[in-house]
């Protein structure tokens, strides 16, 4: 899996998850619990990982959804 984006913003993470789910693109949101544990300093960001062979499709889906500025 390849990192598509990282963020501390739960709205961005939830929206990205929904967009990828709707596009049937295999993905995982990881490290969300670590970010909650460490508190509000923002040192640990959650990451959205996508299957290697679908990274281009995922980037396109999130760009069309208005999240281009969030992509890594």
N, C-alpha and C. Protein backbone atom coordinates (compact mmCIF):
# COMPACT_ATOMS: atom_id res chain seq x y z
N UNK A 1 0.85 -1.18 0.00
CA UNK A 1 0.00 0.00 0.00
C UNK A 1 0.89 1.24 0.00
N UNK A 2 0.37 2.31 -0.59
CA UNK A 2 1.10 3.56 -0.76
C UNK A 2 0.34 4.67 -0.02
N UNK A 3 1.09 5.57 0.62
CA UNK A 3 0.45 6.69 1.31
C UNK A 3 -0.11 7.67 0.29
N UNK A 4 -1.38 7.98 0.44
CA UNK A 4 -2.04 8.93 -0.45
C UNK A 4 -2.10 10.31 0.19
N UNK A 5 -2.45 10.37 1.47
CA UNK A 5 -2.48 11.64 2.17
C UNK A 5 -2.31 11.40 3.65
N UNK A 6 -1.96 12.47 4.36
CA UNK A 6 -1.91 12.43 5.83
C UNK A 6 -2.51 13.73 6.35
N UNK A 7 -3.22 13.59 7.47
CA UNK A 7 -3.91 14.75 8.01
C UNK A 7 -4.28 14.52 9.47
N UNK A 8 -4.46 15.59 10.20
CA UNK A 8 -5.01 15.55 11.55
C UNK A 8 -6.48 15.94 11.55
N UNK A 9 -6.98 16.34 10.42
CA UNK A 9 -8.36 16.82 10.31
C UNK A 9 -9.32 15.65 10.11
N UNK A 10 -10.17 15.36 11.09
CA UNK A 10 -11.09 14.22 10.97
C UNK A 10 -12.09 14.39 9.83
N UNK A 11 -12.41 15.61 9.47
CA UNK A 11 -13.34 15.84 8.36
C UNK A 11 -12.69 15.44 7.04
N UNK A 12 -11.44 15.84 6.84
CA UNK A 12 -10.70 15.48 5.62
C UNK A 12 -10.57 13.96 5.53
N UNK A 13 -10.21 13.33 6.64
CA UNK A 13 -10.03 11.88 6.64
C UNK A 13 -11.34 11.15 6.34
N UNK A 14 -12.41 11.60 6.95
CA UNK A 14 -13.71 10.98 6.72
C UNK A 14 -14.18 11.17 5.28
N UNK A 15 -13.99 12.38 4.76
CA UNK A 15 -14.39 12.66 3.38
C UNK A 15 -13.58 11.83 2.39
N UNK A 16 -12.26 11.76 2.59
CA UNK A 16 -11.41 10.97 1.71
C UNK A 16 -11.82 9.51 1.76
N UNK A 17 -12.10 9.01 2.95
CA UNK A 17 -12.55 7.63 3.11
C UNK A 17 -13.84 7.38 2.33
N UNK A 18 -14.79 8.30 2.43
CA UNK A 18 -16.06 8.15 1.73
C UNK A 18 -15.88 8.19 0.21
N UNK A 19 -15.05 9.11 -0.27
CA UNK A 19 -14.80 9.23 -1.71
C UNK A 19 -14.17 7.94 -2.25
N UNK A 20 -13.17 7.43 -1.55
CA UNK A 20 -12.50 6.21 -2.00
C UNK A 20 -13.42 5.00 -1.91
N UNK A 21 -14.22 4.94 -0.87
CA UNK A 21 -15.18 3.85 -0.73
C UNK A 21 -16.19 3.88 -1.88
N UNK A 22 -16.71 5.07 -2.19
CA UNK A 22 -17.68 5.20 -3.29
C UNK A 22 -17.08 4.83 -4.63
N UNK A 23 -15.76 5.05 -4.79
CA UNK A 23 -15.08 4.72 -6.04
C UNK A 23 -14.57 3.28 -6.06
N UNK A 24 -14.88 2.52 -4.99
CA UNK A 24 -14.44 1.13 -4.88
C UNK A 24 -12.93 0.98 -5.00
N UNK A 25 -12.21 1.89 -4.36
CA UNK A 25 -10.74 1.85 -4.36
C UNK A 25 -10.29 1.30 -3.01
N UNK A 26 -9.58 0.17 -3.01
CA UNK A 26 -9.11 -0.41 -1.75
C UNK A 26 -8.18 0.56 -1.01
N UNK A 27 -8.46 0.77 0.26
CA UNK A 27 -7.68 1.71 1.05
C UNK A 27 -7.82 1.42 2.53
N UNK A 28 -6.98 2.06 3.32
CA UNK A 28 -7.05 1.98 4.78
C UNK A 28 -6.71 3.34 5.36
N UNK A 29 -7.40 3.71 6.42
CA UNK A 29 -7.04 4.89 7.20
C UNK A 29 -6.34 4.36 8.45
N UNK A 30 -5.08 4.75 8.63
CA UNK A 30 -4.28 4.21 9.74
C UNK A 30 -3.77 5.34 10.64
N UNK A 31 -3.42 4.98 11.83
CA UNK A 31 -2.83 5.88 12.83
C UNK A 31 -3.81 6.88 13.43
N UNK A 32 -5.10 6.72 13.20
CA UNK A 32 -6.07 7.66 13.79
C UNK A 32 -6.04 7.57 15.31
N UNK A 33 -5.93 6.36 15.84
CA UNK A 33 -5.93 6.20 17.30
C UNK A 33 -4.68 6.78 17.92
N UNK A 34 -3.54 6.68 17.24
CA UNK A 34 -2.31 7.26 17.77
C UNK A 34 -2.43 8.77 17.90
N UNK A 35 -3.05 9.38 16.91
CA UNK A 35 -3.25 10.83 16.96
C UNK A 35 -4.13 11.25 18.11
N UNK A 36 -5.12 10.43 18.43
CA UNK A 36 -6.01 10.74 19.56
C UNK A 36 -5.28 10.56 20.89
N UNK A 37 -4.42 9.55 20.96
CA UNK A 37 -3.70 9.26 22.20
C UNK A 37 -2.71 10.37 22.53
N UNK A 38 -1.99 10.87 21.50
CA UNK A 38 -0.95 11.86 21.76
C UNK A 38 -1.50 13.24 22.09
N UNK A 39 -2.78 13.43 21.91
CA UNK A 39 -3.39 14.70 22.31
C UNK A 39 -3.51 15.67 21.15
N UNK A 40 -3.45 16.94 21.47
CA UNK A 40 -3.77 17.96 20.47
C UNK A 40 -2.55 18.64 19.86
N UNK A 41 -1.34 18.13 20.08
CA UNK A 41 -0.17 18.81 19.53
C UNK A 41 0.03 18.52 18.04
N UNK A 42 -0.64 17.49 17.53
CA UNK A 42 -0.59 17.23 16.09
C UNK A 42 0.68 16.58 15.59
N UNK A 43 1.42 15.92 16.48
CA UNK A 43 2.68 15.31 16.07
C UNK A 43 2.47 14.07 15.21
N UNK A 44 1.39 13.35 15.45
CA UNK A 44 1.13 12.12 14.70
C UNK A 44 -0.11 12.34 13.85
N UNK A 45 0.07 12.26 12.55
CA UNK A 45 -1.05 12.43 11.64
C UNK A 45 -1.55 11.07 11.17
N UNK A 46 -2.86 10.98 10.97
CA UNK A 46 -3.44 9.78 10.38
C UNK A 46 -3.08 9.76 8.90
N UNK A 47 -2.99 8.56 8.35
CA UNK A 47 -2.63 8.41 6.94
C UNK A 47 -3.68 7.59 6.21
N UNK A 48 -3.88 7.93 4.95
CA UNK A 48 -4.74 7.13 4.08
C UNK A 48 -3.82 6.39 3.13
N UNK A 49 -3.89 5.07 3.18
CA UNK A 49 -3.08 4.21 2.33
C UNK A 49 -3.97 3.59 1.27
N UNK A 50 -3.42 3.48 0.06
CA UNK A 50 -4.17 2.96 -1.08
C UNK A 50 -3.38 1.83 -1.72
N UNK A 51 -4.08 0.88 -2.28
CA UNK A 51 -3.43 -0.21 -3.00
C UNK A 51 -2.53 0.36 -4.09
N UNK A 52 -1.33 -0.20 -4.21
CA UNK A 52 -0.32 0.30 -5.16
C UNK A 52 -0.87 0.49 -6.57
N UNK A 53 -1.64 -0.48 -7.02
CA UNK A 53 -2.12 -0.44 -8.40
C UNK A 53 -3.30 0.51 -8.62
N UNK A 54 -3.77 1.16 -7.55
CA UNK A 54 -4.91 2.08 -7.68
C UNK A 54 -4.57 3.51 -7.28
N UNK A 55 -3.29 3.80 -7.07
CA UNK A 55 -2.89 5.12 -6.59
C UNK A 55 -3.32 6.24 -7.56
N UNK A 56 -3.17 6.00 -8.85
CA UNK A 56 -3.57 7.03 -9.82
C UNK A 56 -5.07 7.27 -9.79
N UNK A 57 -5.84 6.19 -9.68
CA UNK A 57 -7.30 6.32 -9.60
C UNK A 57 -7.70 7.07 -8.33
N UNK A 58 -7.01 6.78 -7.24
CA UNK A 58 -7.31 7.43 -5.96
C UNK A 58 -6.99 8.92 -6.02
N UNK A 59 -5.84 9.25 -6.59
CA UNK A 59 -5.48 10.67 -6.72
C UNK A 59 -6.52 11.42 -7.57
N UNK A 60 -6.94 10.79 -8.64
CA UNK A 60 -7.94 11.41 -9.51
C UNK A 60 -9.26 11.60 -8.77
N UNK A 61 -9.70 10.59 -8.04
CA UNK A 61 -10.97 10.67 -7.31
C UNK A 61 -10.93 11.79 -6.27
N UNK A 62 -9.83 11.88 -5.52
CA UNK A 62 -9.75 12.92 -4.49
C UNK A 62 -9.56 14.31 -5.10
N UNK A 63 -8.88 14.38 -6.22
CA UNK A 63 -8.74 15.67 -6.91
C UNK A 63 -10.10 16.17 -7.38
N UNK A 64 -10.87 15.27 -7.97
CA UNK A 64 -12.22 15.64 -8.44
C UNK A 64 -13.13 16.03 -7.27
N UNK A 65 -12.86 15.46 -6.10
CA UNK A 65 -13.67 15.77 -4.92
C UNK A 65 -13.20 17.05 -4.22
N UNK A 66 -12.15 17.68 -4.71
CA UNK A 66 -11.68 18.93 -4.14
C UNK A 66 -10.61 18.79 -3.07
N UNK A 67 -9.97 17.62 -3.00
CA UNK A 67 -8.95 17.41 -1.99
C UNK A 67 -7.53 17.40 -2.56
N UNK A 68 -7.33 17.98 -3.71
CA UNK A 68 -6.01 17.97 -4.35
C UNK A 68 -4.94 18.57 -3.44
N UNK A 69 -5.28 19.59 -2.68
CA UNK A 69 -4.30 20.25 -1.82
C UNK A 69 -3.90 19.39 -0.62
N UNK A 70 -4.62 18.30 -0.37
CA UNK A 70 -4.31 17.40 0.74
C UNK A 70 -3.41 16.24 0.34
N UNK A 71 -3.25 16.03 -0.96
CA UNK A 71 -2.50 14.87 -1.44
C UNK A 71 -1.02 15.02 -1.19
N UNK A 72 -0.38 13.90 -0.82
CA UNK A 72 1.04 13.89 -0.56
C UNK A 72 1.87 13.53 -1.76
